[in-house]
Amino acid sequence: MKAFRSGMKLSELKSLVRVRRAVRSISHQWQNHKRSCKFPLALTMGHFLAVLVSSSAFAAEIPSSSWSQLFPATSPTARSYLAMTYDAASQKVIVFGGYEGGYLNDTWTFDGTTWTNVNTPTAPPGRANAQMAYDRLTHKVVLFGGYDGRHYLGDTWLWDGRASTWTQAIPTHSPQAVTGPMVFPDPNGHVDEFGGFDGNFYQGNMWQWNGLDWIRLHPAMVPYARSSAAVGVNTFANQVVMFGGLGDVNPNNTWTYDGTTWTIQSPSIQPPLVYASSAIFDPNLRATVLFGGGSGGVDQNSTWGWTGFNWRQLVPTQSPGVREGAGIAYDVALGHVIIFGGQDGNLLLNDTWEFTP
């Protein structure tokens, strides 16, 4: 069965048929872009010391870690580029859609033990590479964007976990229709959307859902335009971190956002450039966990942690296999991060793993 290949990045190659073909050229694009781009290279002494202290504390707190495979009685079908988040209203993880040779529009929930297929009266049209996040002020999950094999999507859907229903929102304003948007909780509790790929260009605009409409935000600086980047939100420090992805301007950088200002960071070490990786904040670790992703057309299975100042590679005693386009969430019922699905080359996956720091 063919894995998800389309809708992410092919304007430069005139066709919107195969993502991986374009991805294989990303390293060549990066070499060209970096010659004309300037990036901050130096840390102040204070920042450097803070990085060392943070990294040392991080290492001391985690003598060992491991990924463990879970074996629920039933699971969603194998798929990649699904949308997945934790829904605090129902206290369950929710999965929507993805790609399994076709574009799915099914809804599943996970309570820490069991995956359940939820038959909803209505549902968003089938899609892959959409994203969603929980809005703690409206108590709804907000789904945006994606690709259905023919069109880049710009519709907004709301999941009410208490009623187990989807409702299409009809906002007056909306972000550009894109695949691979970054959708994440803002420190103020609402849901933000950044970037994505519209079939011709990578986007660099930022929007916020206020419960009824999308409001365009105008920070003084934003990350370089990109799609399919990793995003995690440190709820203790109210810090968003964004890393990697696909873009015409070098996306091999780490940015943080405090609810007002985006700042490009200068970590002493960072993961290899990856797209379609999976990232989420782990309160046990007090760090954002990043797993897998594709890198130059080769899928990865390394695990990294963002401490707030620096990246540190973790070395779990066991890890899931290499993959891109997997779903990730922090499951409060389990008290651990879980990942589900994704693809390893052409192989679509439907395994569930939990991370124990």
Protein backbone atom coordinates (compact mmCIF):
# COMPACT_ATOMS: atom_id res chain seq x y z
CA MET A 1 0.00 0.00 0.00
CA LYS A 2 1.36 3.42 -0.91
CA ALA A 3 2.21 5.77 1.91
CA PHE A 4 1.18 9.42 1.98
CA ARG A 5 3.18 11.31 -0.61
CA SER A 6 1.23 14.32 -1.75
CA GLY A 7 0.13 17.75 -0.73
CA MET A 8 3.17 18.87 1.25
CA LYS A 9 5.89 20.35 -0.94
CA LEU A 10 6.09 20.30 -4.71
CA SER A 11 5.58 23.78 -6.18
CA GLU A 12 9.26 23.99 -7.08
CA LEU A 13 8.89 20.79 -9.13
CA LYS A 14 5.67 21.92 -10.89
CA SER A 15 3.73 18.92 -9.63
CA LEU A 16 1.78 18.16 -6.47
CA VAL A 17 2.11 14.40 -6.79
CA ARG A 18 4.94 13.17 -4.57
CA VAL A 19 6.25 14.75 -1.41
CA ARG A 20 9.26 12.59 -0.83
CA ARG A 21 10.77 13.41 -4.21
CA ALA A 22 10.86 17.06 -3.17
CA VAL A 23 12.00 16.20 0.33
CA ARG A 24 15.07 14.44 -1.02
CA SER A 25 16.17 17.75 -2.49
CA ILE A 26 15.82 19.66 0.77
CA SER A 27 19.48 19.33 1.68
CA HIS A 28 20.47 20.83 -1.67
CA GLN A 29 17.98 23.67 -1.16
CA TRP A 30 19.37 24.29 2.30
CA GLN A 31 22.92 24.54 0.98
CA ASN A 32 21.77 27.18 -1.48
CA HIS A 33 19.76 29.13 1.09
CA LYS A 34 22.37 29.13 3.81
CA ARG A 35 24.85 30.96 1.57
CA SER A 36 22.54 33.96 1.52
CA CYS A 37 21.14 33.75 5.07
CA LYS A 38 22.66 35.02 8.27
CA PHE A 39 21.88 33.35 11.56
CA PRO A 40 22.94 34.32 15.10
CA LEU A 41 25.91 32.16 16.06
CA ALA A 42 27.05 33.51 19.41
CA LEU A 43 25.59 33.10 22.87
CA THR A 44 26.13 35.67 25.58
CA MET A 45 28.06 34.32 28.54
CA GLY A 46 24.93 34.49 30.70
CA HIS A 47 22.90 32.56 28.15
CA PHE A 48 25.72 30.07 27.71
CA LEU A 49 25.87 29.42 31.46
CA ALA A 50 22.09 29.09 31.57
CA VAL A 51 22.28 26.47 28.83
CA LEU A 52 24.93 24.53 30.73
CA VAL A 53 23.00 24.66 34.00
CA SER A 54 19.73 23.71 32.30
CA SER A 55 21.32 20.82 30.39
CA SER A 56 23.10 19.51 33.49
CA ALA A 57 19.90 19.61 35.54
CA PHE A 58 18.02 17.94 32.69
CA ALA A 59 20.56 15.12 32.53
CA ALA A 60 20.54 14.65 36.30
CA GLU A 61 16.76 14.36 36.37
CA ILE A 62 16.65 11.60 33.72
CA PRO A 63 18.99 8.71 34.51
CA SER A 64 17.09 6.53 32.05
CA SER A 65 14.06 6.56 29.80
CA SER A 66 12.22 4.14 27.57
CA TRP A 67 9.49 3.81 24.98
CA SER A 68 7.14 0.88 25.66
CA GLN A 69 4.72 -0.54 23.12
CA LEU A 70 1.09 -0.81 24.22
CA PHE A 71 -1.20 -3.52 22.91
CA PRO A 72 -4.83 -2.31 22.98
CA ALA A 73 -7.46 -4.87 21.98
CA THR A 74 -8.42 -2.72 18.99
CA SER A 75 -6.60 0.09 17.20
CA PRO A 76 -7.26 2.52 14.36
CA THR A 77 -6.19 1.23 10.97
CA ALA A 78 -2.61 1.89 9.89
CA ARG A 79 -2.21 5.49 8.74
CA SER A 80 0.16 8.42 8.52
CA TYR A 81 -0.20 12.21 8.70
CA LEU A 82 -3.13 11.94 11.09
CA ALA A 83 -4.27 14.72 13.43
CA MET A 84 -3.98 13.87 17.13
CA THR A 85 -4.28 15.77 20.42
CA TYR A 86 -5.43 15.42 24.02
CA ASP A 87 -9.01 16.57 24.64
CA ALA A 88 -9.28 17.76 28.25
CA ALA A 89 -13.08 18.01 28.02
CA SER A 90 -13.46 14.25 27.57
CA GLN A 91 -10.10 13.39 29.18
CA LYS A 92 -9.20 11.31 26.15
CA VAL A 93 -6.77 11.45 23.26
CA ILE A 94 -8.50 12.07 19.94
CA VAL A 95 -7.32 11.02 16.46
CA PHE A 96 -8.86 12.22 13.24
CA GLY A 97 -8.23 11.19 9.64
CA GLY A 98 -4.88 10.57 7.99
CA TYR A 99 -3.79 8.64 4.95
CA GLU A 100 -4.06 4.87 4.42
CA GLY A 101 -4.04 4.71 0.62
CA GLY A 102 -7.06 7.05 0.72
CA TYR A 103 -7.92 10.06 2.82
CA LEU A 104 -9.68 9.14 6.05
CA ASN A 105 -12.33 11.01 8.03
CA ASP A 106 -12.84 8.66 10.97
CA THR A 107 -12.60 9.71 14.62
CA TRP A 108 -11.00 7.63 17.36
CA THR A 109 -10.49 8.20 21.08
CA PHE A 110 -8.02 6.62 23.49
CA ASP A 111 -8.64 6.50 27.25
CA GLY A 112 -5.21 5.23 28.23
CA THR A 113 -6.22 1.60 27.67
CA THR A 114 -8.66 1.29 24.77
CA TRP A 115 -9.00 2.81 21.32
CA THR A 116 -12.66 3.47 20.42
CA ASN A 117 -14.05 4.33 16.99
CA VAL A 118 -16.58 7.15 17.49
CA ASN A 119 -19.44 7.22 15.00
CA THR A 120 -20.33 10.89 14.71
CA PRO A 121 -23.46 12.31 13.00
CA THR A 122 -21.22 14.51 10.87
CA ALA A 123 -17.47 14.75 10.38
CA PRO A 124 -14.90 16.80 8.50
CA PRO A 125 -14.21 15.55 4.97
CA GLY A 126 -11.34 13.09 4.66
CA ARG A 127 -7.84 14.55 4.78
CA ALA A 128 -4.24 14.07 5.78
CA ASN A 129 -1.66 16.46 7.20
CA ALA A 130 -4.23 18.57 9.07
CA GLN A 131 -3.49 19.58 12.65
CA MET A 132 -5.58 20.22 15.74
CA ALA A 133 -5.22 21.45 19.31
CA TYR A 134 -7.36 21.91 22.41
CA ASP A 135 -8.69 25.37 23.26
CA ARG A 136 -8.95 25.46 27.03
CA LEU A 137 -11.12 28.60 27.01
CA THR A 138 -13.84 27.19 24.72
CA HIS A 139 -13.26 23.55 25.79
CA LYS A 140 -13.22 22.47 22.14
CA VAL A 141 -10.60 20.90 19.90
CA VAL A 142 -9.88 23.05 16.83
CA LEU A 143 -9.01 21.25 13.56
CA PHE A 144 -7.63 23.18 10.60
CA GLY A 145 -6.17 22.58 7.15
CA GLY A 146 -4.87 19.47 5.42
CA TYR A 147 -4.92 17.91 1.97
CA ASP A 148 -7.54 15.62 0.41
CA GLY A 149 -5.63 14.43 -2.65
CA ARG A 150 -6.91 17.26 -4.84
CA HIS A 151 -7.26 20.37 -2.71
CA TYR A 152 -5.46 22.23 0.04
CA LEU A 153 -7.98 22.76 2.78
CA GLY A 154 -8.85 25.85 4.80
CA ASP A 155 -11.93 24.77 6.71
CA THR A 156 -12.20 24.88 10.51
CA TRP A 157 -13.93 22.18 12.56
CA LEU A 158 -14.64 21.99 16.28
CA TRP A 159 -14.71 18.79 18.31
CA ASP A 160 -16.89 18.78 21.43
CA GLY A 161 -15.53 15.89 23.48
CA ARG A 162 -18.37 16.02 25.98
CA ALA A 163 -20.97 15.46 23.24
CA SER A 164 -18.68 13.53 20.86
CA THR A 165 -19.67 15.74 17.94
CA TRP A 166 -17.97 17.66 15.15
CA THR A 167 -19.29 21.07 14.08
CA GLN A 168 -18.01 23.08 11.15
CA ALA A 169 -17.18 26.64 12.12
CA ILE A 170 -18.01 29.43 9.68
CA PRO A 171 -15.52 32.15 10.55
CA THR A 172 -15.53 35.55 8.85
CA HIS A 173 -11.75 35.39 8.49
CA SER A 174 -9.46 32.41 8.06
CA PRO A 175 -5.85 31.45 7.43
CA GLN A 176 -4.85 30.46 3.91
CA ALA A 177 -5.87 26.93 2.88
CA VAL A 178 -2.74 24.86 3.56
CA THR A 179 -1.38 21.43 4.25
CA GLY A 180 0.98 20.88 7.16
CA PRO A 181 -0.02 23.88 9.30
CA MET A 182 1.32 24.24 12.83
CA VAL A 183 -1.72 24.32 15.15
CA PHE A 184 -0.96 24.66 18.85
CA PRO A 185 -2.27 26.07 22.15
CA ASP A 186 -1.33 29.69 22.76
CA PRO A 187 -0.11 30.52 26.28
CA ASN A 188 -3.37 32.50 26.70
CA GLY A 189 -5.45 29.31 26.28
CA HIS A 190 -6.75 29.82 22.74
CA VAL A 191 -5.44 27.97 19.66
CA ASP A 192 -2.90 29.46 17.24
CA GLU A 193 -2.16 28.57 13.63
CA PHE A 194 1.12 29.28 11.88
CA GLY A 195 2.39 28.59 8.39
CA GLY A 196 1.70 25.63 6.14
CA PHE A 197 2.08 25.06 2.40
CA ASP A 198 -0.62 26.33 -0.01
CA GLY A 199 0.53 24.49 -3.14
CA ASN A 200 2.75 27.32 -4.30
CA PHE A 201 4.25 29.00 -1.28
CA TYR A 202 5.14 28.31 2.32
CA GLN A 203 3.19 30.58 4.61
CA GLY A 204 4.59 32.66 7.48
CA ASN A 205 1.42 34.22 8.87
CA MET A 206 0.09 33.67 12.38
CA TRP A 207 -3.56 33.47 13.40
CA GLN A 208 -5.49 32.87 16.62
CA TRP A 209 -8.90 31.24 17.05
CA ASN A 210 -11.06 33.26 19.48
CA GLY A 211 -13.96 30.82 19.61
CA LEU A 212 -15.88 32.40 16.72
CA ASP A 213 -13.35 33.72 14.26
CA TRP A 214 -9.68 33.62 13.26
CA ILE A 215 -7.81 36.80 14.20
CA ARG A 216 -4.58 37.66 12.39
CA LEU A 217 -1.70 38.24 14.82
CA HIS A 218 1.21 40.53 14.03
CA PRO A 219 4.23 39.72 16.21
CA ALA A 220 7.26 41.92 15.53
CA MET A 221 9.12 38.83 14.29
CA VAL A 222 7.90 35.38 13.25
CA PRO A 223 9.72 32.17 12.26
CA TYR A 224 10.70 31.80 8.62
CA ALA A 225 7.80 30.49 6.54
CA ARG A 226 7.48 26.72 6.76
CA SER A 227 5.20 23.70 7.01
CA SER A 228 5.26 20.40 8.90
CA ALA A 229 7.44 21.71 11.74
CA ALA A 230 7.53 20.24 15.25
CA VAL A 231 5.75 22.32 17.91
CA GLY A 232 5.48 21.79 21.67
CA VAL A 233 4.07 24.01 24.42
CA ASN A 234 5.69 24.11 27.87
CA THR A 235 2.67 24.76 30.09
CA PHE A 236 4.86 25.43 33.14
CA ALA A 237 6.89 28.19 31.49
CA ASN A 238 4.23 29.28 28.96
CA GLN A 239 6.75 28.76 26.18
CA VAL A 240 6.04 27.47 22.67
CA VAL A 241 8.97 25.87 20.83
CA MET A 242 9.05 25.31 17.07
CA PHE A 243 11.73 23.39 15.20
CA GLY A 244 12.48 22.28 11.65
CA GLY A 245 9.92 21.51 8.98
CA LEU A 246 9.95 22.29 5.26
CA GLY A 247 10.59 25.73 3.81
CA ASP A 248 12.21 27.71 1.03
CA VAL A 249 14.27 29.63 3.59
CA ASN A 250 16.37 27.45 5.88
CA PRO A 251 14.02 25.90 8.50
CA ASN A 252 16.88 24.27 10.43
CA ASN A 253 16.37 26.47 13.47
CA THR A 254 14.66 26.64 16.85
CA TRP A 255 12.18 29.38 17.75
CA THR A 256 10.33 30.09 21.00
CA TYR A 257 7.17 32.13 21.61
CA ASP A 258 5.96 33.55 24.94
CA GLY A 259 2.50 34.64 23.83
CA THR A 260 3.77 37.96 22.47
CA THR A 261 7.23 37.59 20.98
CA TRP A 262 8.97 35.02 18.81
CA THR A 263 12.69 34.58 19.49
CA ILE A 264 15.17 32.60 17.43
CA GLN A 265 17.31 30.52 19.79
CA SER A 266 20.97 29.59 19.55
CA PRO A 267 21.21 26.18 21.23
CA SER A 268 24.62 24.57 21.49
CA ILE A 269 23.15 21.43 19.94
CA GLN A 270 19.91 20.62 18.15
CA PRO A 271 18.31 17.66 16.35
CA PRO A 272 19.03 16.99 12.69
CA LEU A 273 16.68 18.92 10.41
CA VAL A 274 13.43 16.93 10.35
CA TYR A 275 9.95 17.42 8.91
CA ALA A 276 6.73 15.68 9.99
CA SER A 277 8.27 14.77 13.33
CA SER A 278 6.18 14.51 16.50
CA ALA A 279 6.53 16.84 19.47
CA ILE A 280 4.69 17.41 22.77
CA PHE A 281 5.46 18.77 26.22
CA ASP A 282 6.03 16.11 28.88
CA PRO A 283 5.39 17.48 32.39
CA ASN A 284 7.26 14.52 33.92
CA LEU A 285 10.36 15.56 32.00
CA ARG A 286 9.62 19.28 32.23
CA ALA A 287 10.67 19.38 28.60
CA THR A 288 9.22 19.12 25.11
CA VAL A 289 9.82 15.67 23.63
CA LEU A 290 10.54 15.43 19.90
CA PHE A 291 10.46 12.04 18.17
CA GLY A 292 11.26 10.82 14.67
CA GLY A 293 10.39 12.63 11.45
CA GLY A 294 11.87 12.55 8.00
CA SER A 295 15.33 13.93 7.30
CA GLY A 296 16.47 14.24 3.71
CA GLY A 297 14.05 11.48 2.69
CA VAL A 298 15.21 9.11 5.46
CA ASP A 299 12.86 8.46 8.38
CA GLN A 300 14.25 8.78 11.91
CA ASN A 301 13.53 7.38 15.39
CA SER A 302 15.70 9.51 17.65
CA THR A 303 14.23 11.14 20.77
CA TRP A 304 15.17 14.67 21.83
CA GLY A 305 14.18 16.98 24.67
CA TRP A 306 13.94 20.80 24.62
CA THR A 307 14.76 22.14 28.09
CA GLY A 308 13.71 25.71 27.42
CA PHE A 309 17.26 26.75 26.52
CA ASN A 310 18.84 23.81 24.75
CA TRP A 311 18.21 20.50 23.00
CA ARG A 312 19.45 17.24 24.48
CA GLN A 313 19.34 13.87 22.76
CA LEU A 314 17.80 11.16 24.92
CA VAL A 315 18.87 7.55 24.62
CA PRO A 316 15.87 5.40 25.57
CA THR A 317 16.49 1.74 26.36
CA GLN A 318 13.85 0.91 23.72
CA SER A 319 12.36 2.98 20.89
CA PRO A 320 9.62 2.71 18.26
CA GLY A 321 10.78 2.08 14.73
CA VAL A 322 11.65 4.93 12.39
CA ARG A 323 8.68 6.99 11.18
CA GLU A 324 7.30 10.30 9.99
CA GLY A 325 3.76 11.66 10.17
CA ALA A 326 2.93 10.00 13.51
CA GLY A 327 0.47 11.45 16.01
CA ILE A 328 1.61 12.44 19.49
CA ALA A 329 -0.12 13.59 22.68
CA TYR A 330 0.39 13.69 26.42
CA ASP A 331 -2.20 11.24 27.79
CA VAL A 332 -3.25 12.43 31.24
CA ALA A 333 -4.95 9.08 31.97
CA LEU A 334 -1.64 7.27 31.46
CA GLY A 335 0.46 10.11 32.77
CA HIS A 336 2.79 9.66 29.79
CA VAL A 337 3.41 10.81 26.24
CA ILE A 338 2.03 8.46 23.58
CA ILE A 339 2.60 8.23 19.85
CA PHE A 340 0.47 6.43 17.30
CA GLY A 341 0.91 5.42 13.66
CA GLY A 342 2.92 7.20 10.99
CA GLN A 343 4.87 5.69 8.13
CA ASP A 344 8.26 4.07 7.66
CA GLY A 345 8.96 4.65 3.98
CA ASN A 346 6.04 2.94 2.25
CA LEU A 347 4.97 1.02 5.35
CA LEU A 348 1.96 2.49 7.15
CA LEU A 349 1.86 1.91 10.91
CA ASN A 350 -0.81 1.54 13.61
CA ASP A 351 1.23 0.81 16.73
CA THR A 352 0.83 2.70 20.01
CA TRP A 353 3.79 3.55 22.25
CA GLU A 354 4.19 5.36 25.56
CA PHE A 355 7.29 7.24 26.75
CA THR A 356 8.49 6.76 30.32
CA PRO A 357 11.22 9.15 31.47
